[in-house]
Amino acid sequence: MVIRKQVNERMSRIVEYSGVIYLAGIVSDDKDLDIKGQAQRVLAMAEERLAEAGSNKDHILRAEIFVKDIARDFAGFNEVWDAWVSKEQPPARACVEANMASSNTLVEIIFTAVKSRIL
């Protein structure tokens, strides 16, 4: 059975199937922040969504990271990521430069995780 949460007419922000959780791309809700601030907001929002789905950052399988200007922002993003990511259970990760849907979005992340507990 597929479970969908935070659904609107365009997408589901959280989808679960067979204990695997797929999060839609997450961008900061404060676009005035620099890369570090936007990264911190995205990671905090990810933790909230993972918790809603019955998981946490220790159960992330994969992170797909899109940075608007990788030459400018890669080091700053990694500083925030390295402080946040599980050292014991780090996910597979890709980080690429990409155009964004809005000019002031600096980072977007897509996560895939598993449930931390079977209900």
PDB file of N, CA and C in Angstrom:
ATOM      1  N   MET A   1       0.827  -1.173   0.000  1.00  0.00           N
ATOM      2  CA  MET A   1       0.000   0.000   0.000  1.00  0.00           C
ATOM      3  C   MET A   1       0.883   1.251   0.000  1.00  0.00           C
ATOM      4  N   VAL A   2       0.526   2.207  -0.818  1.00  0.00           N
ATOM      5  CA  VAL A   2       1.244   3.475  -0.900  1.00  0.00           C
ATOM      6  C   VAL A   2       0.578   4.458   0.058  1.00  0.00           C
ATOM      7  N   ILE A   3       1.399   5.104   0.886  1.00  0.00           N
ATOM      8  CA  ILE A   3       0.920   6.121   1.813  1.00  0.00           C
ATOM      9  C   ILE A   3       1.473   7.462   1.350  1.00  0.00           C
ATOM     10  N   ARG A   4       0.595   8.442   1.213  1.00  0.00           N
ATOM     11  CA  ARG A   4       1.002   9.781   0.781  1.00  0.00           C
ATOM     12  C   ARG A   4       0.635  10.783   1.866  1.00  0.00           C
ATOM     13  N   LYS A   5       1.557  11.700   2.156  1.00  0.00           N
ATOM     14  CA  LYS A   5       1.321  12.736   3.164  1.00  0.00           C
ATOM     15  C   LYS A   5       1.719  14.087   2.594  1.00  0.00           C
ATOM     16  N   GLN A   6       1.146  15.132   3.179  1.00  0.00           N
ATOM     17  CA  GLN A   6       1.377  16.500   2.724  1.00  0.00           C
ATOM     18  C   GLN A   6       1.112  16.604   1.222  1.00  0.00           C
ATOM     19  N   VAL A   7      -0.092  16.226   0.859  1.00  0.00           N
ATOM     20  CA  VAL A   7      -0.508  16.146  -0.540  1.00  0.00           C
ATOM     21  C   VAL A   7      -1.176  17.457  -0.962  1.00  0.00           C
ATOM     22  N   ASN A   8      -0.833  17.922  -2.157  1.00  0.00           N
ATOM     23  CA  ASN A   8      -1.564  19.023  -2.775  1.00  0.00           C
ATOM     24  C   ASN A   8      -1.872  18.646  -4.216  1.00  0.00           C
ATOM     25  N   GLU A   9      -2.369  19.579  -5.000  1.00  0.00           N
ATOM     26  CA  GLU A   9      -2.770  19.267  -6.370  1.00  0.00           C
ATOM     27  C   GLU A   9      -1.600  18.936  -7.287  1.00  0.00           C
ATOM     28  N   ARG A  10      -0.383  19.252  -6.868  1.00  0.00           N
ATOM     29  CA  ARG A  10       0.792  19.022  -7.704  1.00  0.00           C
ATOM     30  C   ARG A  10       1.600  17.802  -7.295  1.00  0.00           C
ATOM     31  N   MET A  11       1.673  17.541  -5.973  1.00  0.00           N
ATOM     32  CA  MET A  11       2.577  16.480  -5.526  1.00  0.00           C
ATOM     33  C   MET A  11       2.270  16.065  -4.105  1.00  0.00           C
ATOM     34  N   SER A  12       2.945  14.995  -3.705  1.00  0.00           N
ATOM     35  CA  SER A  12       2.986  14.565  -2.305  1.00  0.00           C
ATOM     36  C   SER A  12       4.396  14.870  -1.806  1.00  0.00           C
ATOM     37  N   ARG A  13       4.496  15.522  -0.652  1.00  0.00           N
ATOM     38  CA  ARG A  13       5.815  15.825  -0.116  1.00  0.00           C
ATOM     39  C   ARG A  13       6.471  14.591   0.506  1.00  0.00           C
ATOM     40  N   ILE A  14       5.632  13.628   0.941  1.00  0.00           N
ATOM     41  CA  ILE A  14       6.124  12.392   1.550  1.00  0.00           C
ATOM     42  C   ILE A  14       5.355  11.231   0.928  1.00  0.00           C
ATOM     43  N   VAL A  15       6.075  10.235   0.445  1.00  0.00           N
ATOM     44  CA  VAL A  15       5.449   9.014  -0.074  1.00  0.00           C
ATOM     45  C   VAL A  15       6.169   7.833   0.564  1.00  0.00           C
ATOM     46  N   GLU A  16       5.387   6.872   1.031  1.00  0.00           N
ATOM     47  CA  GLU A  16       5.964   5.662   1.625  1.00  0.00           C
ATOM     48  C   GLU A  16       5.422   4.437   0.916  1.00  0.00           C
ATOM     49  N   TYR A  17       6.314   3.506   0.657  1.00  0.00           N
ATOM     50  CA  TYR A  17       5.921   2.226   0.075  1.00  0.00           C
ATOM     51  C   TYR A  17       6.860   1.151   0.616  1.00  0.00           C
ATOM     52  N   SER A  18       6.302   0.113   1.188  1.00  0.00           N
ATOM     53  CA  SER A  18       7.071  -1.024   1.712  1.00  0.00           C
ATOM     54  C   SER A  18       8.189  -0.585   2.651  1.00  0.00           C
ATOM     55  N   GLY A  19       7.917   0.390   3.500  1.00  0.00           N
ATOM     56  CA  GLY A  19       8.901   0.825   4.474  1.00  0.00           C
ATOM     57  C   GLY A  19       9.955   1.773   3.942  1.00  0.00           C
ATOM     58  N   VAL A  20       9.872   2.121   2.653  1.00  0.00           N
ATOM     59  CA  VAL A  20      10.801   3.081   2.065  1.00  0.00           C
ATOM     60  C   VAL A  20      10.080   4.422   1.961  1.00  0.00           C
ATOM     61  N   ILE A  21      10.755   5.483   2.373  1.00  0.00           N
ATOM     62  CA  ILE A  21      10.183   6.822   2.406  1.00  0.00           C
ATOM     63  C   ILE A  21      10.889   7.676   1.357  1.00  0.00           C
ATOM     64  N   TYR A  22      10.085   8.320   0.528  1.00  0.00           N
ATOM     65  CA  TYR A  22      10.586   9.204  -0.513  1.00  0.00           C
ATOM     66  C   TYR A  22      10.120  10.615  -0.183  1.00  0.00           C
ATOM     67  N   LEU A  23      11.053  11.536  -0.022  1.00  0.00           N
ATOM     68  CA  LEU A  23      10.702  12.924   0.208  1.00  0.00           C
ATOM     69  C   LEU A  23      10.868  13.704  -1.087  1.00  0.00           C
ATOM     70  N   ALA A  24       9.874  14.542  -1.377  1.00  0.00           N
ATOM     71  CA  ALA A  24       9.995  15.444  -2.522  1.00  0.00           C
ATOM     72  C   ALA A  24      11.131  16.420  -2.251  1.00  0.00           C
ATOM     73  N   GLY A  25      11.613  17.068  -3.273  1.00  0.00           N
ATOM     74  CA  GLY A  25      12.681  18.041  -3.103  1.00  0.00           C
ATOM     75  C   GLY A  25      12.309  19.091  -2.074  1.00  0.00           C
ATOM     76  N   ILE A  26      13.242  19.390  -1.187  1.00  0.00           N
ATOM     77  CA  ILE A  26      13.018  20.361  -0.121  1.00  0.00           C
ATOM     78  C   ILE A  26      13.894  21.580  -0.373  1.00  0.00           C
ATOM     79  N   VAL A  27      13.263  22.755  -0.354  1.00  0.00           N
ATOM     80  CA  VAL A  27      13.976  24.027  -0.444  1.00  0.00           C
ATOM     81  C   VAL A  27      13.665  24.839   0.799  1.00  0.00           C
ATOM     82  N   SER A  28      14.509  25.773   1.111  1.00  0.00           N
ATOM     83  CA  SER A  28      14.324  26.611   2.290  1.00  0.00           C
ATOM     84  C   SER A  28      13.049  27.438   2.169  1.00  0.00           C
ATOM     85  N   ASP A  29      12.381  27.614   3.284  1.00  0.00           N
ATOM     86  CA  ASP A  29      11.211  28.493   3.309  1.00  0.00           C
ATOM     87  C   ASP A  29      11.614  29.949   3.557  1.00  0.00           C
ATOM     88  N   ASP A  30      12.902  30.201   3.699  1.00  0.00           N
ATOM     89  CA  ASP A  30      13.429  31.567   3.822  1.00  0.00           C
ATOM     90  C   ASP A  30      14.511  31.743   2.772  1.00  0.00           C
ATOM     91  N   LYS A  31      14.153  32.356   1.667  1.00  0.00           N
ATOM     92  CA  LYS A  31      15.071  32.510   0.530  1.00  0.00           C
ATOM     93  C   LYS A  31      16.044  33.676   0.704  1.00  0.00           C
ATOM     94  N   ASP A  32      15.897  34.445   1.794  1.00  0.00           N
ATOM     95  CA  ASP A  32      16.824  35.549   2.045  1.00  0.00           C
ATOM     96  C   ASP A  32      18.114  35.085   2.715  1.00  0.00           C
ATOM     97  N   LEU A  33      18.149  33.829   3.154  1.00  0.00           N
ATOM     98  CA  LEU A  33      19.334  33.290   3.826  1.00  0.00           C
ATOM     99  C   LEU A  33      20.436  32.970   2.827  1.00  0.00           C
ATOM    100  N   ASP A  34      21.679  32.940   3.304  1.00  0.00           N
ATOM    101  CA  ASP A  34      22.803  32.513   2.469  1.00  0.00           C
ATOM    102  C   ASP A  34      22.787  30.985   2.364  1.00  0.00           C
ATOM    103  N   ILE A  35      23.781  30.409   1.713  1.00  0.00           N
ATOM    104  CA  ILE A  35      23.790  28.959   1.493  1.00  0.00           C
ATOM    105  C   ILE A  35      23.769  28.187   2.805  1.00  0.00           C
ATOM    106  N   LYS A  36      24.514  28.651   3.803  1.00  0.00           N
ATOM    107  CA  LYS A  36      24.527  27.937   5.077  1.00  0.00           C
ATOM    108  C   LYS A  36      23.167  27.996   5.754  1.00  0.00           C
ATOM    109  N   GLY A  37      22.548  29.152   5.733  1.00  0.00           N
ATOM    110  CA  GLY A  37      21.228  29.294   6.336  1.00  0.00           C
ATOM    111  C   GLY A  37      20.173  28.476   5.612  1.00  0.00           C
ATOM    112  N   GLN A  38      20.202  28.501   4.272  1.00  0.00           N
ATOM    113  CA  GLN A  38      19.236  27.705   3.512  1.00  0.00           C
ATOM    114  C   GLN A  38      19.476  26.213   3.736  1.00  0.00           C
ATOM    115  N   ALA A  39      20.733  25.812   3.788  1.00  0.00           N
ATOM    116  CA  ALA A  39      21.030  24.393   4.033  1.00  0.00           C
ATOM    117  C   ALA A  39      20.511  23.976   5.405  1.00  0.00           C
ATOM    118  N   GLN A  40      20.722  24.795   6.417  1.00  0.00           N
ATOM    119  CA  GLN A  40      20.223  24.469   7.760  1.00  0.00           C
ATOM    120  C   GLN A  40      18.704  24.351   7.770  1.00  0.00           C
ATOM    121  N   ARG A  41      18.012  25.249   7.078  1.00  0.00           N
ATOM    122  CA  ARG A  41      16.543  25.180   7.020  1.00  0.00           C
ATOM    123  C   ARG A  41      16.095  23.906   6.307  1.00  0.00           C
ATOM    124  N   VAL A  42      16.724  23.584   5.178  1.00  0.00           N
ATOM    125  CA  VAL A  42      16.349  22.383   4.425  1.00  0.00           C
ATOM    126  C   VAL A  42      16.547  21.140   5.290  1.00  0.00           C
ATOM    127  N   LEU A  43      17.648  21.049   5.991  1.00  0.00           N
ATOM    128  CA  LEU A  43      17.919  19.877   6.819  1.00  0.00           C
ATOM    129  C   LEU A  43      16.955  19.793   8.000  1.00  0.00           C
ATOM    130  N   ALA A  44      16.588  20.925   8.576  1.00  0.00           N
ATOM    131  CA  ALA A  44      15.594  20.930   9.661  1.00  0.00           C
ATOM    132  C   ALA A  44      14.231  20.483   9.135  1.00  0.00           C
ATOM    133  N   MET A  45      13.855  20.966   7.962  1.00  0.00           N
ATOM    134  CA  MET A  45      12.585  20.562   7.356  1.00  0.00           C
ATOM    135  C   MET A  45      12.604  19.069   7.028  1.00  0.00           C
ATOM    136  N   ALA A  46      13.745  18.567   6.567  1.00  0.00           N
ATOM    137  CA  ALA A  46      13.872  17.133   6.274  1.00  0.00           C
ATOM    138  C   ALA A  46      13.667  16.314   7.540  1.00  0.00           C
ATOM    139  N   GLU A  47      14.266  16.744   8.642  1.00  0.00           N
ATOM    140  CA  GLU A  47      14.091  16.019   9.910  1.00  0.00           C
ATOM    141  C   GLU A  47      12.619  15.973  10.313  1.00  0.00           C
ATOM    142  N   GLU A  48      11.902  17.084  10.135  1.00  0.00           N
ATOM    143  CA  GLU A  48      10.472  17.117  10.461  1.00  0.00           C
ATOM    144  C   GLU A  48       9.687  16.136   9.600  1.00  0.00           C
ATOM    145  N   ARG A  49       9.966  16.123   8.308  1.00  0.00           N
ATOM    146  CA  ARG A  49       9.237  15.227   7.396  1.00  0.00           C
ATOM    147  C   ARG A  49       9.591  13.766   7.664  1.00  0.00           C
ATOM    148  N   LEU A  50      10.848  13.507   7.924  1.00  0.00           N
ATOM    149  CA  LEU A  50      11.244  12.136   8.249  1.00  0.00           C
ATOM    150  C   LEU A  50      10.548  11.668   9.523  1.00  0.00           C
ATOM    151  N   ALA A  51      10.481  12.515  10.524  1.00  0.00           N
ATOM    152  CA  ALA A  51       9.800  12.157  11.775  1.00  0.00           C
ATOM    153  C   ALA A  51       8.322  11.881  11.523  1.00  0.00           C
ATOM    154  N   GLU A  52       7.691  12.699  10.703  1.00  0.00           N
ATOM    155  CA  GLU A  52       6.283  12.476  10.365  1.00  0.00           C
ATOM    156  C   GLU A  52       6.070  11.115   9.709  1.00  0.00           C
ATOM    157  N   ALA A  53       7.067  10.668   8.961  1.00  0.00           N
ATOM    158  CA  ALA A  53       6.975   9.386   8.258  1.00  0.00           C
ATOM    159  C   ALA A  53       7.499   8.214   9.091  1.00  0.00           C
ATOM    160  N   GLY A  54       7.950   8.479  10.323  1.00  0.00           N
ATOM    161  CA  GLY A  54       8.437   7.403  11.182  1.00  0.00           C
ATOM    162  C   GLY A  54       9.896   7.054  10.964  1.00  0.00           C
ATOM    163  N   SER A  55      10.696   8.057  10.627  1.00  0.00           N
ATOM    164  CA  SER A  55      12.113   7.812  10.386  1.00  0.00           C
ATOM    165  C   SER A  55      12.939   8.954  10.973  1.00  0.00           C
ATOM    166  N   ASN A  56      14.234   8.939  10.680  1.00  0.00           N
ATOM    167  CA  ASN A  56      15.133  10.003  11.117  1.00  0.00           C
ATOM    168  C   ASN A  56      16.382   9.979  10.242  1.00  0.00           C
ATOM    169  N   LYS A  57      17.278  10.915  10.491  1.00  0.00           N
ATOM    170  CA  LYS A  57      18.446  11.055   9.607  1.00  0.00           C
ATOM    171  C   LYS A  57      19.383   9.849   9.631  1.00  0.00           C
ATOM    172  N   ASP A  58      19.333   9.029  10.690  1.00  0.00           N
ATOM    173  CA  ASP A  58      20.153   7.825  10.723  1.00  0.00           C
ATOM    174  C   ASP A  58      19.669   6.749   9.752  1.00  0.00           C
ATOM    175  N   HIS A  59      18.476   6.940   9.199  1.00  0.00           N
ATOM    176  CA  HIS A  59      17.887   5.949   8.297  1.00  0.00           C
ATOM    177  C   HIS A  59      17.766   6.450   6.858  1.00  0.00           C
ATOM    178  N   ILE A  60      18.494   7.537   6.545  1.00  0.00           N
ATOM    179  CA  ILE A  60      18.512   8.043   5.168  1.00  0.00           C
ATOM    180  C   ILE A  60      19.390   7.124   4.328  1.00  0.00           C
ATOM    181  N   LEU A  61      18.852   6.687   3.214  1.00  0.00           N
ATOM    182  CA  LEU A  61      19.605   5.851   2.279  1.00  0.00           C
ATOM    183  C   LEU A  61      20.386   6.685   1.273  1.00  0.00           C
ATOM    184  N   ARG A  62      19.734   7.766   0.809  1.00  0.00           N
ATOM    185  CA  ARG A  62      20.298   8.527  -0.304  1.00  0.00           C
ATOM    186  C   ARG A  62      19.889   9.988  -0.198  1.00  0.00           C
ATOM    187  N   ALA A  63      20.822  10.864  -0.557  1.00  0.00           N
ATOM    188  CA  ALA A  63      20.544  12.295  -0.637  1.00  0.00           C
ATOM    189  C   ALA A  63      20.996  12.792  -2.004  1.00  0.00           C
ATOM    190  N   GLU A  64      20.083  13.454  -2.706  1.00  0.00           N
ATOM    191  CA  GLU A  64      20.403  14.074  -3.991  1.00  0.00           C
ATOM    192  C   GLU A  64      20.372  15.582  -3.765  1.00  0.00           C
ATOM    193  N   ILE A  65      21.527  16.213  -3.883  1.00  0.00           N
ATOM    194  CA  ILE A  65      21.688  17.616  -3.524  1.00  0.00           C
ATOM    195  C   ILE A  65      21.915  18.435  -4.794  1.00  0.00           C
ATOM    196  N   PHE A  66      21.139  19.502  -4.903  1.00  0.00           N
ATOM    197  CA  PHE A  66      21.246  20.419  -6.040  1.00  0.00           C
ATOM    198  C   PHE A  66      21.621  21.791  -5.490  1.00  0.00           C
ATOM    199  N   VAL A  67      22.776  22.319  -5.932  1.00  0.00           N
ATOM    200  CA  VAL A  67      23.270  23.615  -5.484  1.00  0.00           C
ATOM    201  C   VAL A  67      23.272  24.550  -6.679  1.00  0.00           C
ATOM    202  N   LYS A  68      22.767  25.760  -6.475  1.00  0.00           N
ATOM    203  CA  LYS A  68      22.657  26.714  -7.583  1.00  0.00           C
ATOM    204  C   LYS A  68      24.012  27.097  -8.164  1.00  0.00           C
ATOM    205  N   ASP A  69      24.982  27.395  -7.313  1.00  0.00           N
ATOM    206  CA  ASP A  69      26.316  27.797  -7.768  1.00  0.00           C
ATOM    207  C   ASP A  69      27.345  26.970  -6.989  1.00  0.00           C
ATOM    208  N   ILE A  70      27.743  25.855  -7.546  1.00  0.00           N
ATOM    209  CA  ILE A  70      28.587  24.904  -6.818  1.00  0.00           C
ATOM    210  C   ILE A  70      29.982  25.475  -6.546  1.00  0.00           C
ATOM    211  N   ALA A  71      30.507  26.284  -7.445  1.00  0.00           N
ATOM    212  CA  ALA A  71      31.836  26.867  -7.217  1.00  0.00           C
ATOM    213  C   ALA A  71      31.810  27.812  -6.017  1.00  0.00           C
ATOM    214  N   ARG A  72      30.748  28.564  -5.879  1.00  0.00           N
ATOM    215  CA  ARG A  72      30.624  29.523  -4.787  1.00  0.00           C
ATOM    216  C   ARG A  72      30.193  28.866  -3.479  1.00  0.00           C
ATOM    217  N   ASP A  73      29.276  27.889  -3.541  1.00  0.00           N
ATOM    218  CA  ASP A  73      28.565  27.436  -2.346  1.00  0.00           C
ATOM    219  C   ASP A  73      28.869  26.015  -1.872  1.00  0.00           C
ATOM    220  N   PHE A  74      29.670  25.255  -2.598  1.00  0.00           N
ATOM    221  CA  PHE A  74      29.922  23.862  -2.228  1.00  0.00           C
ATOM    222  C   PHE A  74      30.555  23.743  -0.844  1.00  0.00           C
ATOM    223  N   ALA A  75      31.570  24.538  -0.571  1.00  0.00           N
ATOM    224  CA  ALA A  75      32.253  24.457   0.725  1.00  0.00           C
ATOM    225  C   ALA A  75      31.322  24.857   1.870  1.00  0.00           C
ATOM    226  N   GLY A  76      30.559  25.922   1.693  1.00  0.00           N
ATOM    227  CA  GLY A  76      29.626  26.354   2.728  1.00  0.00           C
ATOM    228  C   GLY A  76      28.543  25.330   2.980  1.00  0.00           C
ATOM    229  N   PHE A  77      28.020  24.743   1.911  1.00  0.00           N
ATOM    230  CA  PHE A  77      27.016  23.694   2.078  1.00  0.00           C
ATOM    231  C   PHE A  77      27.613  22.512   2.835  1.00  0.00           C
ATOM    232  N   ASN A  78      28.794  22.081   2.432  1.00  0.00           N
ATOM    233  CA  ASN A  78      29.421  20.917   3.070  1.00  0.00           C
ATOM    234  C   ASN A  78      29.709  21.157   4.546  1.00  0.00           C
ATOM    235  N   GLU A  79      30.009  22.387   4.923  1.00  0.00           N
ATOM    236  CA  GLU A  79      30.246  22.695   6.334  1.00  0.00           C
ATOM    237  C   GLU A  79      28.980  22.393   7.154  1.00  0.00           C
ATOM    238  N   VAL A  80      27.828  22.813   6.645  1.00  0.00           N
ATOM    239  CA  VAL A  80      26.558  22.556   7.332  1.00  0.00           C
ATOM    240  C   VAL A  80      26.220  21.069   7.275  1.00  0.00           C
ATOM    241  N   TRP A  81      26.369  20.460   6.099  1.00  0.00           N
ATOM    242  CA  TRP A  81      26.071  19.033   5.925  1.00  0.00           C
ATOM    243  C   TRP A  81      26.910  18.183   6.871  1.00  0.00           C
ATOM    244  N   ASP A  82      28.206  18.440   6.915  1.00  0.00           N
ATOM    245  CA  ASP A  82      29.111  17.631   7.738  1.00  0.00           C
ATOM    246  C   ASP A  82      28.773  17.721   9.224  1.00  0.00           C
ATOM    247  N   ALA A  83      28.288  18.863   9.666  1.00  0.00           N
ATOM    248  CA  ALA A  83      27.891  19.017  11.067  1.00  0.00           C
ATOM    249  C   ALA A  83      26.581  18.289  11.364  1.00  0.00           C
ATOM    250  N   TRP A  84      25.754  18.084  10.344  1.00  0.00           N
ATOM    251  CA  TRP A  84      24.419  17.503  10.515  1.00  0.00           C
ATOM    252  C   TRP A  84      24.361  15.995  10.262  1.00  0.00           C
ATOM    253  N   VAL A  85      25.022  15.522   9.251  1.00  0.00           N
ATOM    254  CA  VAL A  85      24.853  14.144   8.784  1.00  0.00           C
ATOM    255  C   VAL A  85      25.338  13.135   9.830  1.00  0.00           C
ATOM    256  N   SER A  86      24.683  11.988   9.868  1.00  0.00           N
ATOM    257  CA  SER A  86      25.074  10.919  10.782  1.00  0.00           C
ATOM    258  C   SER A  86      26.476  10.430  10.432  1.00  0.00           C
ATOM    259  N   LYS A  87      27.362  10.446  11.408  1.00  0.00           N
ATOM    260  CA  LYS A  87      28.736   9.964  11.171  1.00  0.00           C
ATOM    261  C   LYS A  87      28.780   8.446  11.132  1.00  0.00           C
ATOM    262  N   GLU A  88      27.853   7.804  11.853  1.00  0.00           N
ATOM    263  CA  GLU A  88      27.810   6.336  11.913  1.00  0.00           C
ATOM    264  C   GLU A  88      27.020   5.734  10.748  1.00  0.00           C
ATOM    265  N   GLN A  89      26.053   6.476  10.217  1.00  0.00           N
ATOM    266  CA  GLN A  89      25.161   5.959   9.174  1.00  0.00           C
ATOM    267  C   GLN A  89      25.032   6.960   8.023  1.00  0.00           C
ATOM    268  N   PRO A  90      26.117   7.393   7.403  1.00  0.00           N
ATOM    269  CA  PRO A  90      25.990   8.384   6.335  1.00  0.00           C
ATOM    270  C   PRO A  90      25.321   7.779   5.098  1.00  0.00           C
ATOM    271  N   PRO A  91      24.480   8.567   4.431  1.00  0.00           N
ATOM    272  CA  PRO A  91      23.800   8.054   3.240  1.00  0.00           C
ATOM    273  C   PRO A  91      24.692   8.107   2.004  1.00  0.00           C
ATOM    274  N   ALA A  92      24.257   7.423   0.959  1.00  0.00           N
ATOM    275  CA  ALA A  92      24.843   7.652  -0.359  1.00  0.00           C
ATOM    276  C   ALA A  92      24.462   9.083  -0.739  1.00  0.00           C
ATOM    277  N   ARG A  93      25.309   9.742  -1.510  1.00  0.00           N
ATOM    278  CA  ARG A  93      25.068  11.157  -1.771  1.00  0.00           C
ATOM    279  C   ARG A  93      25.572  11.542  -3.140  1.00  0.00           C
ATOM    280  N   ALA A  94      24.832  12.448  -3.786  1.00  0.00           N
ATOM    281  CA  ALA A  94      25.291  13.108  -5.003  1.00  0.00           C
ATOM    282  C   ALA A  94      25.052  14.598  -4.810  1.00  0.00           C
ATOM    283  N   CYS A  95      25.943  15.419  -5.335  1.00  0.00           N
ATOM    284  CA  CYS A  95      25.787  16.868  -5.240  1.00  0.00           C
ATOM    285  C   CYS A  95      26.175  17.458  -6.588  1.00  0.00           C
ATOM    286  N   VAL A  96      25.225  18.162  -7.205  1.00  0.00           N
ATOM    287  CA  VAL A  96      25.461  18.737  -8.525  1.00  0.00           C
ATOM    288  C   VAL A  96      24.974  20.183  -8.565  1.00  0.00           C
ATOM    289  N   GLU A  97      25.451  20.909  -9.539  1.00  0.00           N
ATOM    290  CA  GLU A  97      24.969  22.267  -9.778  1.00  0.00           C
ATOM    291  C   GLU A  97      23.724  22.190 -10.649  1.00  0.00           C
ATOM    292  N   ALA A  98      22.740  23.046 -10.345  1.00  0.00           N
ATOM    293  CA  ALA A  98      21.496  23.027 -11.120  1.00  0.00           C
ATOM    294  C   ALA A  98      20.828  24.392 -11.094  1.00  0.00           C
ATOM    295  N   ASN A  99      20.122  24.699 -12.175  1.00  0.00           N
ATOM    296  CA  ASN A  99      19.238  25.860 -12.166  1.00  0.00           C
ATOM    297  C   ASN A  99      18.103  25.571 -11.205  1.00  0.00           C
ATOM    298  N   MET A 100      17.572  26.605 -10.587  1.00  0.00           N
ATOM    299  CA  MET A 100      16.503  26.438  -9.612  1.00  0.00           C
ATOM    300  C   MET A 100      15.224  27.081 -10.123  1.00  0.00           C
ATOM    301  N   ALA A 101      14.112  26.680  -9.531  1.00  0.00           N
ATOM    302  CA  ALA A 101      12.813  27.207  -9.933  1.00  0.00           C
ATOM    303  C   ALA A 101      12.659  28.684  -9.581  1.00  0.00           C
ATOM    304  N   SER A 102      13.367  29.143  -8.542  1.00  0.00           N
ATOM    305  CA  SER A 102      13.349  30.566  -8.221  1.00  0.00           C
ATOM    306  C   SER A 102      14.790  31.066  -8.139  1.00  0.00           C
ATOM    307  N   SER A 103      14.978  32.326  -8.450  1.00  0.00           N
ATOM    308  CA  SER A 103      16.341  32.875  -8.536  1.00  0.00           C
ATOM    309  C   SER A 103      17.062  32.917  -7.198  1.00  0.00           C
ATOM    310  N   ASN A 104      16.334  32.958  -6.093  1.00  0.00           N
ATOM    311  CA  ASN A 104      16.992  33.048  -4.787  1.00  0.00           C
ATOM    312  C   ASN A 104      17.007  31.736  -4.019  1.00  0.00           C
ATOM    313  N   THR A 105      16.650  30.633  -4.672  1.00  0.00           N
ATOM    314  CA  THR A 105      16.812  29.306  -4.075  1.00  0.00           C
ATOM    315  C   THR A 105      18.245  28.856  -4.343  1.00  0.00           C
ATOM    316  N   LEU A 106      18.972  28.541  -3.272  1.00  0.00           N
ATOM    317  CA  LEU A 106      20.380  28.180  -3.417  1.00  0.00           C
ATOM    318  C   LEU A 106      20.645  26.686  -3.315  1.00  0.00           C
ATOM    319  N   VAL A 107      19.718  25.928  -2.704  1.00  0.00           N
ATOM    320  CA  VAL A 107      19.915  24.493  -2.533  1.00  0.00           C
ATOM    321  C   VAL A 107      18.563  23.788  -2.471  1.00  0.00           C
ATOM    322  N   GLU A 108      18.517  22.595  -3.019  1.00  0.00           N
ATOM    323  CA  GLU A 108      17.351  21.712  -2.927  1.00  0.00           C
ATOM    324  C   GLU A 108      17.873  20.294  -2.701  1.00  0.00           C
ATOM    325  N   ILE A 109      17.204  19.565  -1.802  1.00  0.00           N
ATOM    326  CA  ILE A 109      17.650  18.202  -1.509  1.00  0.00           C
ATOM    327  C   ILE A 109      16.464  17.247  -1.581  1.00  0.00           C
ATOM    328  N   ILE A 110      16.697  16.095  -2.201  1.00  0.00           N
ATOM    329  CA  ILE A 110      15.742  14.993  -2.261  1.00  0.00           C
ATOM    330  C   ILE A 110      16.309  13.861  -1.405  1.00  0.00           C
ATOM    331  N   PHE A 111      15.489  13.332  -0.510  1.00  0.00           N
ATOM    332  CA  PHE A 111      15.925  12.245   0.363  1.00  0.00           C
ATOM    333  C   PHE A 111      15.111  10.989   0.117  1.00  0.00           C
ATOM    334  N   THR A 112      15.775   9.836   0.250  1.00  0.00           N
ATOM    335  CA  THR A 112      15.131   8.534   0.314  1.00  0.00           C
ATOM    336  C   THR A 112      15.607   7.890   1.612  1.00  0.00           C
ATOM    337  N   ALA A 113      14.669   7.356   2.397  1.00  0.00           N
ATOM    338  CA  ALA A 113      15.007   6.775   3.690  1.00  0.00           C
ATOM    339  C   ALA A 113      14.164   5.528   3.921  1.00  0.00           C
ATOM    340  N   VAL A 114      14.453   4.831   5.007  1.00  0.00           N
ATOM    341  CA  VAL A 114      13.612   3.726   5.442  1.00  0.00           C
ATOM    342  C   VAL A 114      13.034   4.085   6.795  1.00  0.00           C
ATOM    343  N   LYS A 115      11.925   3.434   7.115  1.00  0.00           N
ATOM    344  CA  LYS A 115      11.308   3.659   8.418  1.00  0.00           C
ATOM    345  C   LYS A 115      12.277   3.202   9.502  1.00  0.00           C
ATOM    346  N   SER A 116      12.295   3.928  10.590  1.00  0.00           N
ATOM    347  CA  SER A 116      13.172   3.547  11.687  1.00  0.00           C
ATOM    348  C   SER A 116      12.519   2.490  12.586  1.00  0.00           C
ATOM    349  N   ARG A 117      11.240   2.310  12.399  1.00  0.00           N
ATOM    350  CA  ARG A 117      10.513   1.295  13.154  1.00  0.00           C
ATOM    351  C   ARG A 117       9.365   0.778  12.271  1.00  0.00           C
ATOM    352  N   ILE A 118       9.057  -0.458  12.402  1.00  0.00           N
ATOM    353  CA  ILE A 118       7.934  -1.033  11.679  1.00  0.00           C
ATOM    354  C   ILE A 118       6.704  -0.935  12.575  1.00  0.00           C
ATOM    355  N   LEU A 119       5.678  -0.290  12.059  1.00  0.00           N
ATOM    356  CA  LEU A 119       4.450  -0.122  12.864  1.00  0.00           C
ATOM    357  C   LEU A 119       3.557  -1.330  12.761  1.00  0.00           C
TER     358      LEU A 119
END
